[in-house]
């Protein structure tokens, strides 16, 4: 039987499942409440950037520089994409 966690948790079953998986109380509560809200779609957030294949080599190089990827100056576009995905 699922324990009630009061009004602060909107989906008690999901909350308990997430806690059993090792999520913190705060993170489990945020996920459970977001999933229970029909106006929110937490699994659809993010992913707004185009895939690396659509980036220019210069943009890939700049991103590799931000991440301090060694050897980036001699890499091809495909090598930069592979390095960024590692």
PDB file of N, CA and C in Angstrom:
ATOM      1  N   UNK A   1       0.843  -1.178   0.000  1.00  0.00           N
ATOM      2  CA  UNK A   1       0.000   0.000   0.000  1.00  0.00           C
ATOM      3  C   UNK A   1       0.889   1.243   0.000  1.00  0.00           C
ATOM      4  N   UNK A   2       0.482   2.229  -0.768  1.00  0.00           N
ATOM      5  CA  UNK A   2       1.252   3.454  -0.892  1.00  0.00           C
ATOM      6  C   UNK A   2       0.908   4.394   0.251  1.00  0.00           C
ATOM      7  N   UNK A   3       1.960   4.861   0.897  1.00  0.00           N
ATOM      8  CA  UNK A   3       1.805   5.795   2.016  1.00  0.00           C
ATOM      9  C   UNK A   3       1.488   7.182   1.476  1.00  0.00           C
ATOM     10  N   UNK A   4       0.576   7.884   2.132  1.00  0.00           N
ATOM     11  CA  UNK A   4       0.260   9.259   1.752  1.00  0.00           C
ATOM     12  C   UNK A   4       1.330  10.186   2.318  1.00  0.00           C
ATOM     13  N   UNK A   5       1.830  11.066   1.476  1.00  0.00           N
ATOM     14  CA  UNK A   5       2.856  12.011   1.892  1.00  0.00           C
ATOM     15  C   UNK A   5       2.275  13.415   2.059  1.00  0.00           C
ATOM     16  N   UNK A   6       0.984  13.508   2.209  1.00  0.00           N
ATOM     17  CA  UNK A   6       0.324  14.793   2.417  1.00  0.00           C
ATOM     18  C   UNK A   6       0.083  15.531   1.116  1.00  0.00           C
ATOM     19  N   UNK A   7      -0.346  16.773   1.244  1.00  0.00           N
ATOM     20  CA  UNK A   7      -0.694  17.575   0.072  1.00  0.00           C
ATOM     21  C   UNK A   7       0.520  18.017  -0.740  1.00  0.00           C
ATOM     22  N   UNK A   8       1.712  17.946  -0.154  1.00  0.00           N
ATOM     23  CA  UNK A   8       2.896  18.437  -0.865  1.00  0.00           C
ATOM     24  C   UNK A   8       3.351  17.496  -1.970  1.00  0.00           C
ATOM     25  N   UNK A   9       2.966  16.221  -1.900  1.00  0.00           N
ATOM     26  CA  UNK A   9       3.334  15.245  -2.933  1.00  0.00           C
ATOM     27  C   UNK A   9       2.075  14.868  -3.692  1.00  0.00           C
ATOM     28  N   UNK A  10       2.108  15.103  -5.009  1.00  0.00           N
ATOM     29  CA  UNK A  10       0.907  14.883  -5.822  1.00  0.00           C
ATOM     30  C   UNK A  10       0.783  13.450  -6.339  1.00  0.00           C
ATOM     31  N   UNK A  11       1.891  12.713  -6.425  1.00  0.00           N
ATOM     32  CA  UNK A  11       1.861  11.326  -6.892  1.00  0.00           C
ATOM     33  C   UNK A  11       2.700  10.495  -5.921  1.00  0.00           C
ATOM     34  N   UNK A  12       2.046   9.975  -4.890  1.00  0.00           N
ATOM     35  CA  UNK A  12       2.741   9.250  -3.825  1.00  0.00           C
ATOM     36  C   UNK A  12       3.469   8.008  -4.335  1.00  0.00           C
ATOM     37  N   UNK A  13       2.855   7.272  -5.239  1.00  0.00           N
ATOM     38  CA  UNK A  13       3.465   6.038  -5.762  1.00  0.00           C
ATOM     39  C   UNK A  13       4.759   6.357  -6.502  1.00  0.00           C
ATOM     40  N   UNK A  14       4.731   7.322  -7.399  1.00  0.00           N
ATOM     41  CA  UNK A  14       5.929   7.701  -8.139  1.00  0.00           C
ATOM     42  C   UNK A  14       6.996   8.218  -7.187  1.00  0.00           C
ATOM     43  N   UNK A  15       6.600   9.016  -6.214  1.00  0.00           N
ATOM     44  CA  UNK A  15       7.536   9.537  -5.218  1.00  0.00           C
ATOM     45  C   UNK A  15       8.258   8.393  -4.508  1.00  0.00           C
ATOM     46  N   UNK A  16       7.506   7.398  -4.050  1.00  0.00           N
ATOM     47  CA  UNK A  16       8.110   6.261  -3.360  1.00  0.00           C
ATOM     48  C   UNK A  16       9.026   5.470  -4.283  1.00  0.00           C
ATOM     49  N   UNK A  17       8.611   5.272  -5.524  1.00  0.00           N
ATOM     50  CA  UNK A  17       9.446   4.544  -6.483  1.00  0.00           C
ATOM     51  C   UNK A  17      10.770   5.274  -6.716  1.00  0.00           C
ATOM     52  N   UNK A  18      10.705   6.584  -6.846  1.00  0.00           N
ATOM     53  CA  UNK A  18      11.919   7.368  -7.061  1.00  0.00           C
ATOM     54  C   UNK A  18      12.830   7.328  -5.842  1.00  0.00           C
ATOM     55  N   UNK A  19      12.239   7.398  -4.651  1.00  0.00           N
ATOM     56  CA  UNK A  19      13.031   7.306  -3.420  1.00  0.00           C
ATOM     57  C   UNK A  19      13.711   5.946  -3.327  1.00  0.00           C
ATOM     58  N   UNK A  20      12.988   4.868  -3.733  1.00  0.00           N
ATOM     59  CA  UNK A  20      13.567   3.523  -3.713  1.00  0.00           C
ATOM     60  C   UNK A  20      14.750   3.409  -4.680  1.00  0.00           C
ATOM     61  N   UNK A  21      14.724   4.210  -5.758  1.00  0.00           N
ATOM     62  CA  UNK A  21      15.810   4.212  -6.734  1.00  0.00           C
ATOM     63  C   UNK A  21      16.989   5.059  -6.269  1.00  0.00           C
ATOM     64  N   UNK A  22      16.835   5.760  -5.153  1.00  0.00           N
ATOM     65  CA  UNK A  22      17.940   6.525  -4.603  1.00  0.00           C
ATOM     66  C   UNK A  22      17.857   8.024  -4.806  1.00  0.00           C
ATOM     67  N   UNK A  23      16.763   8.522  -5.366  1.00  0.00           N
ATOM     68  CA  UNK A  23      16.606   9.967  -5.542  1.00  0.00           C
ATOM     69  C   UNK A  23      16.438  10.636  -4.182  1.00  0.00           C
ATOM     70  N   UNK A  24      16.913  11.871  -4.075  1.00  0.00           N
ATOM     71  CA  UNK A  24      16.727  12.624  -2.838  1.00  0.00           C
ATOM     72  C   UNK A  24      15.237  12.932  -2.674  1.00  0.00           C
ATOM     73  N   UNK A  25      14.847  13.294  -1.466  1.00  0.00           N
ATOM     74  CA  UNK A  25      13.447  13.641  -1.224  1.00  0.00           C
ATOM     75  C   UNK A  25      13.008  14.806  -2.099  1.00  0.00           C
ATOM     76  N   UNK A  26      13.879  15.811  -2.190  1.00  0.00           N
ATOM     77  CA  UNK A  26      13.536  17.004  -2.972  1.00  0.00           C
ATOM     78  C   UNK A  26      13.370  16.676  -4.454  1.00  0.00           C
ATOM     79  N   UNK A  27      14.324  15.941  -5.017  1.00  0.00           N
ATOM     80  CA  UNK A  27      14.251  15.623  -6.447  1.00  0.00           C
ATOM     81  C   UNK A  27      13.062  14.709  -6.735  1.00  0.00           C
ATOM     82  N   UNK A  28      12.829  13.720  -5.889  1.00  0.00           N
ATOM     83  CA  UNK A  28      11.696  12.817  -6.070  1.00  0.00           C
ATOM     84  C   UNK A  28      10.379  13.592  -6.015  1.00  0.00           C
ATOM     85  N   UNK A  29      10.278  14.546  -5.104  1.00  0.00           N
ATOM     86  CA  UNK A  29       9.059  15.351  -4.986  1.00  0.00           C
ATOM     87  C   UNK A  29       8.861  16.209  -6.235  1.00  0.00           C
ATOM     88  N   UNK A  30       9.944  16.821  -6.721  1.00  0.00           N
ATOM     89  CA  UNK A  30       9.817  17.670  -7.917  1.00  0.00           C
ATOM     90  C   UNK A  30       9.360  16.850  -9.129  1.00  0.00           C
ATOM     91  N   UNK A  31       9.945  15.677  -9.305  1.00  0.00           N
ATOM     92  CA  UNK A  31       9.582  14.837 -10.449  1.00  0.00           C
ATOM     93  C   UNK A  31       8.151  14.336 -10.315  1.00  0.00           C
ATOM     94  N   UNK A  32       7.802  13.837  -9.135  1.00  0.00           N
ATOM     95  CA  UNK A  32       6.453  13.307  -8.918  1.00  0.00           C
ATOM     96  C   UNK A  32       5.393  14.377  -9.126  1.00  0.00           C
ATOM     97  N   UNK A  33       5.647  15.576  -8.629  1.00  0.00           N
ATOM     98  CA  UNK A  33       4.674  16.653  -8.775  1.00  0.00           C
ATOM     99  C   UNK A  33       4.586  17.140 -10.217  1.00  0.00           C
ATOM    100  N   UNK A  34       5.701  17.180 -10.917  1.00  0.00           N
ATOM    101  CA  UNK A  34       5.688  17.612 -12.315  1.00  0.00           C
ATOM    102  C   UNK A  34       4.934  16.605 -13.181  1.00  0.00           C
ATOM    103  N   UNK A  35       5.154  15.325 -12.929  1.00  0.00           N
ATOM    104  CA  UNK A  35       4.456  14.289 -13.710  1.00  0.00           C
ATOM    105  C   UNK A  35       2.950  14.303 -13.436  1.00  0.00           C
ATOM    106  N   UNK A  36       2.562  14.667 -12.211  1.00  0.00           N
ATOM    107  CA  UNK A  36       1.148  14.674 -11.849  1.00  0.00           C
ATOM    108  C   UNK A  36       0.422  15.892 -12.401  1.00  0.00           C
ATOM    109  N   UNK A  37       1.165  16.923 -12.807  1.00  0.00           N
ATOM    110  CA  UNK A  37       0.566  18.153 -13.327  1.00  0.00           C
ATOM    111  C   UNK A  37       0.354  18.007 -14.835  1.00  0.00           C
ATOM    112  N   UNK A  38      -0.895  18.038 -15.316  1.00  0.00           N
ATOM    113  CA  UNK A  38      -1.145  17.842 -16.747  1.00  0.00           C
ATOM    114  C   UNK A  38      -0.574  18.961 -17.628  1.00  0.00           C
ATOM    115  N   UNK A  39      -0.270  20.110 -17.036  1.00  0.00           N
ATOM    116  CA  UNK A  39       0.294  21.214 -17.813  1.00  0.00           C
ATOM    117  C   UNK A  39       1.809  21.129 -17.965  1.00  0.00           C
ATOM    118  N   UNK A  40       2.420  20.241 -17.214  1.00  0.00           N
ATOM    119  CA  UNK A  40       3.875  20.101 -17.283  1.00  0.00           C
ATOM    120  C   UNK A  40       4.228  18.798 -17.991  1.00  0.00           C
ATOM    121  N   UNK A  41       5.308  18.836 -18.724  1.00  0.00           N
ATOM    122  CA  UNK A  41       5.780  17.652 -19.441  1.00  0.00           C
ATOM    123  C   UNK A  41       7.283  17.524 -19.195  1.00  0.00           C
ATOM    124  N   UNK A  42       7.690  17.069 -18.004  1.00  0.00           N
ATOM    125  CA  UNK A  42       9.105  17.067 -17.655  1.00  0.00           C
ATOM    126  C   UNK A  42       9.977  16.244 -18.585  1.00  0.00           C
ATOM    127  N   UNK A  43       9.444  15.205 -19.179  1.00  0.00           N
ATOM    128  CA  UNK A  43      10.264  14.382 -20.074  1.00  0.00           C
ATOM    129  C   UNK A  43      10.467  15.058 -21.422  1.00  0.00           C
ATOM    130  N   UNK A  44       9.737  16.128 -21.716  1.00  0.00           N
ATOM    131  CA  UNK A  44       9.867  16.815 -22.990  1.00  0.00           C
ATOM    132  C   UNK A  44      10.733  18.061 -22.895  1.00  0.00           C
ATOM    133  N   UNK A  45      11.222  18.384 -21.710  1.00  0.00           N
ATOM    134  CA  UNK A  45      12.041  19.579 -21.566  1.00  0.00           C
ATOM    135  C   UNK A  45      13.440  19.306 -22.104  1.00  0.00           C
ATOM    136  N   UNK A  46      14.118  20.367 -22.502  1.00  0.00           N
ATOM    137  CA  UNK A  46      15.478  20.235 -23.000  1.00  0.00           C
ATOM    138  C   UNK A  46      15.500  19.784 -24.448  1.00  0.00           C
ATOM    139  N   UNK A  47      16.691  19.525 -24.961  1.00  0.00           N
ATOM    140  CA  UNK A  47      16.824  19.021 -26.318  1.00  0.00           C
ATOM    141  C   UNK A  47      16.468  20.036 -27.386  1.00  0.00           C
ATOM    142  N   UNK A  48      16.632  21.324 -27.085  1.00  0.00           N
ATOM    143  CA  UNK A  48      16.251  22.357 -28.042  1.00  0.00           C
ATOM    144  C   UNK A  48      17.348  22.641 -29.069  1.00  0.00           C
ATOM    145  N   UNK A  49      18.579  22.282 -28.756  1.00  0.00           N
ATOM    146  CA  UNK A  49      19.686  22.531 -29.678  1.00  0.00           C
ATOM    147  C   UNK A  49      19.646  21.513 -30.816  1.00  0.00           C
ATOM    148  N   UNK A  50      20.028  21.934 -32.016  1.00  0.00           N
ATOM    149  CA  UNK A  50      20.066  20.978 -33.123  1.00  0.00           C
ATOM    150  C   UNK A  50      21.180  19.959 -32.905  1.00  0.00           C
ATOM    151  N   UNK A  51      21.110  18.812 -33.550  1.00  0.00           N
ATOM    152  CA  UNK A  51      22.169  17.817 -33.404  1.00  0.00           C
ATOM    153  C   UNK A  51      23.501  18.377 -33.909  1.00  0.00           C
ATOM    154  N   UNK A  52      24.586  17.847 -33.374  1.00  0.00           N
ATOM    155  CA  UNK A  52      25.916  18.338 -33.746  1.00  0.00           C
ATOM    156  C   UNK A  52      26.152  18.317 -35.257  1.00  0.00           C
ATOM    157  N   UNK A  53      25.562  17.367 -35.955  1.00  0.00           N
ATOM    158  CA  UNK A  53      25.757  17.286 -37.407  1.00  0.00           C
ATOM    159  C   UNK A  53      25.299  18.553 -38.123  1.00  0.00           C
ATOM    160  N   UNK A  54      24.402  19.299 -37.522  1.00  0.00           N
ATOM    161  CA  UNK A  54      23.905  20.534 -38.129  1.00  0.00           C
ATOM    162  C   UNK A  54      24.727  21.758 -37.715  1.00  0.00           C
ATOM    163  N   UNK A  55      25.652  21.601 -36.794  1.00  0.00           N
ATOM    164  CA  UNK A  55      26.498  22.701 -36.359  1.00  0.00           C
ATOM    165  C   UNK A  55      27.609  22.913 -37.380  1.00  0.00           C
ATOM    166  N   UNK A  56      28.129  24.125 -37.438  1.00  0.00           N
ATOM    167  CA  UNK A  56      29.292  24.380 -38.278  1.00  0.00           C
ATOM    168  C   UNK A  56      30.530  23.861 -37.543  1.00  0.00           C
ATOM    169  N   UNK A  57      31.603  23.634 -38.303  1.00  0.00           N
ATOM    170  CA  UNK A  57      32.848  23.174 -37.682  1.00  0.00           C
ATOM    171  C   UNK A  57      33.340  24.208 -36.668  1.00  0.00           C
ATOM    172  N   UNK A  58      33.182  25.476 -36.994  1.00  0.00           N
ATOM    173  CA  UNK A  58      33.607  26.547 -36.085  1.00  0.00           C
ATOM    174  C   UNK A  58      32.841  26.485 -34.759  1.00  0.00           C
ATOM    175  N   UNK A  59      31.527  26.257 -34.842  1.00  0.00           N
ATOM    176  CA  UNK A  59      30.730  26.152 -33.621  1.00  0.00           C
ATOM    177  C   UNK A  59      31.134  24.925 -32.800  1.00  0.00           C
ATOM    178  N   UNK A  60      31.399  23.816 -33.493  1.00  0.00           N
ATOM    179  CA  UNK A  60      31.852  22.610 -32.800  1.00  0.00           C
ATOM    180  C   UNK A  60      33.192  22.857 -32.108  1.00  0.00           C
ATOM    181  N   UNK A  61      34.085  23.541 -32.816  1.00  0.00           N
ATOM    182  CA  UNK A  61      35.392  23.858 -32.253  1.00  0.00           C
ATOM    183  C   UNK A  61      35.242  24.733 -31.004  1.00  0.00           C
ATOM    184  N   UNK A  62      34.370  25.745 -31.079  1.00  0.00           N
ATOM    185  CA  UNK A  62      34.154  26.631 -29.936  1.00  0.00           C
ATOM    186  C   UNK A  62      33.618  25.862 -28.729  1.00  0.00           C
ATOM    187  N   UNK A  63      32.713  24.926 -28.982  1.00  0.00           N
ATOM    188  CA  UNK A  63      32.161  24.116 -27.888  1.00  0.00           C
ATOM    189  C   UNK A  63      33.251  23.214 -27.306  1.00  0.00           C
ATOM    190  N   UNK A  64      34.074  22.633 -28.174  1.00  0.00           N
ATOM    191  CA  UNK A  64      35.175  21.788 -27.715  1.00  0.00           C
ATOM    192  C   UNK A  64      36.165  22.609 -26.886  1.00  0.00           C
ATOM    193  N   UNK A  65      36.362  23.853 -27.278  1.00  0.00           N
ATOM    194  CA  UNK A  65      37.249  24.742 -26.531  1.00  0.00           C
ATOM    195  C   UNK A  65      36.670  25.017 -25.142  1.00  0.00           C
ATOM    196  N   UNK A  66      35.362  25.264 -25.068  1.00  0.00           N
ATOM    197  CA  UNK A  66      34.702  25.491 -23.776  1.00  0.00           C
ATOM    198  C   UNK A  66      34.904  24.295 -22.847  1.00  0.00           C
ATOM    199  N   UNK A  67      34.864  23.095 -23.431  1.00  0.00           N
ATOM    200  CA  UNK A  67      34.996  21.871 -22.638  1.00  0.00           C
ATOM    201  C   UNK A  67      36.446  21.428 -22.484  1.00  0.00           C
ATOM    202  N   UNK A  68      37.363  22.231 -23.032  1.00  0.00           N
ATOM    203  CA  UNK A  68      38.792  21.968 -22.939  1.00  0.00           C
ATOM    204  C   UNK A  68      39.172  20.598 -23.479  1.00  0.00           C
ATOM    205  N   UNK A  69      38.647  20.249 -24.650  1.00  0.00           N
ATOM    206  CA  UNK A  69      38.966  18.981 -25.301  1.00  0.00           C
ATOM    207  C   UNK A  69      40.339  19.112 -25.960  1.00  0.00           C
ATOM    208  N   UNK A  70      41.247  18.240 -25.559  1.00  0.00           N
ATOM    209  CA  UNK A  70      42.615  18.286 -26.071  1.00  0.00           C
ATOM    210  C   UNK A  70      42.644  17.851 -27.539  1.00  0.00           C
ATOM    211  N   UNK A  71      43.519  18.492 -28.326  1.00  0.00           N
ATOM    212  CA  UNK A  71      43.712  18.130 -29.720  1.00  0.00           C
ATOM    213  C   UNK A  71      42.651  18.640 -30.661  1.00  0.00           C
ATOM    214  N   UNK A  72      41.798  19.505 -30.193  1.00  0.00           N
ATOM    215  CA  UNK A  72      40.663  19.970 -31.003  1.00  0.00           C
ATOM    216  C   UNK A  72      41.086  20.721 -32.259  1.00  0.00           C
ATOM    217  N   UNK A  73      42.222  21.396 -32.216  1.00  0.00           N
ATOM    218  CA  UNK A  73      42.617  22.222 -33.364  1.00  0.00           C
ATOM    219  C   UNK A  73      42.920  21.394 -34.602  1.00  0.00           C
ATOM    220  N   UNK A  74      43.328  20.141 -34.425  1.00  0.00           N
ATOM    221  CA  UNK A  74      43.636  19.301 -35.576  1.00  0.00           C
ATOM    222  C   UNK A  74      42.515  18.354 -35.963  1.00  0.00           C
ATOM    223  N   UNK A  75      41.358  18.477 -35.329  1.00  0.00           N
ATOM    224  CA  UNK A  75      40.252  17.542 -35.581  1.00  0.00           C
ATOM    225  C   UNK A  75      39.383  17.965 -36.754  1.00  0.00           C
ATOM    226  N   UNK A  76      38.851  16.959 -37.437  1.00  0.00           N
ATOM    227  CA  UNK A  76      37.859  17.203 -38.482  1.00  0.00           C
ATOM    228  C   UNK A  76      36.514  17.427 -37.806  1.00  0.00           C
ATOM    229  N   UNK A  77      35.528  17.786 -38.586  1.00  0.00           N
ATOM    230  CA  UNK A  77      34.188  17.996 -38.037  1.00  0.00           C
ATOM    231  C   UNK A  77      33.680  16.706 -37.390  1.00  0.00           C
ATOM    232  N   UNK A  78      33.847  15.566 -38.061  1.00  0.00           N
ATOM    233  CA  UNK A  78      33.386  14.292 -37.505  1.00  0.00           C
ATOM    234  C   UNK A  78      34.128  13.933 -36.219  1.00  0.00           C
ATOM    235  N   UNK A  79      35.423  14.235 -36.162  1.00  0.00           N
ATOM    236  CA  UNK A  79      36.197  13.963 -34.953  1.00  0.00           C
ATOM    237  C   UNK A  79      35.753  14.861 -33.796  1.00  0.00           C
ATOM    238  N   UNK A  80      35.438  16.122 -34.101  1.00  0.00           N
ATOM    239  CA  UNK A  80      34.928  17.024 -33.074  1.00  0.00           C
ATOM    240  C   UNK A  80      33.602  16.519 -32.515  1.00  0.00           C
ATOM    241  N   UNK A  81      32.737  16.060 -33.408  1.00  0.00           N
ATOM    242  CA  UNK A  81      31.432  15.533 -32.968  1.00  0.00           C
ATOM    243  C   UNK A  81      31.648  14.334 -32.052  1.00  0.00           C
ATOM    244  N   UNK A  82      32.532  13.424 -32.454  1.00  0.00           N
ATOM    245  CA  UNK A  82      32.802  12.241 -31.634  1.00  0.00           C
ATOM    246  C   UNK A  82      33.368  12.630 -30.276  1.00  0.00           C
ATOM    247  N   UNK A  83      34.281  13.585 -30.253  1.00  0.00           N
ATOM    248  CA  UNK A  83      34.887  14.023 -28.993  1.00  0.00           C
ATOM    249  C   UNK A  83      33.864  14.692 -28.088  1.00  0.00           C
ATOM    250  N   UNK A  84      32.964  15.458 -28.665  1.00  0.00           N
ATOM    251  CA  UNK A  84      31.928  16.127 -27.866  1.00  0.00           C
ATOM    252  C   UNK A  84      30.941  15.132 -27.277  1.00  0.00           C
ATOM    253  N   UNK A  85      30.747  14.031 -27.937  1.00  0.00           N
ATOM    254  CA  UNK A  85      29.785  13.025 -27.460  1.00  0.00           C
ATOM    255  C   UNK A  85      30.384  12.066 -26.440  1.00  0.00           C
ATOM    256  N   UNK A  86      31.681  12.116 -26.235  1.00  0.00           N
ATOM    257  CA  UNK A  86      32.315  11.216 -25.262  1.00  0.00           C
ATOM    258  C   UNK A  86      32.005  11.615 -23.851  1.00  0.00           C
TER     259      UNK A  86
END
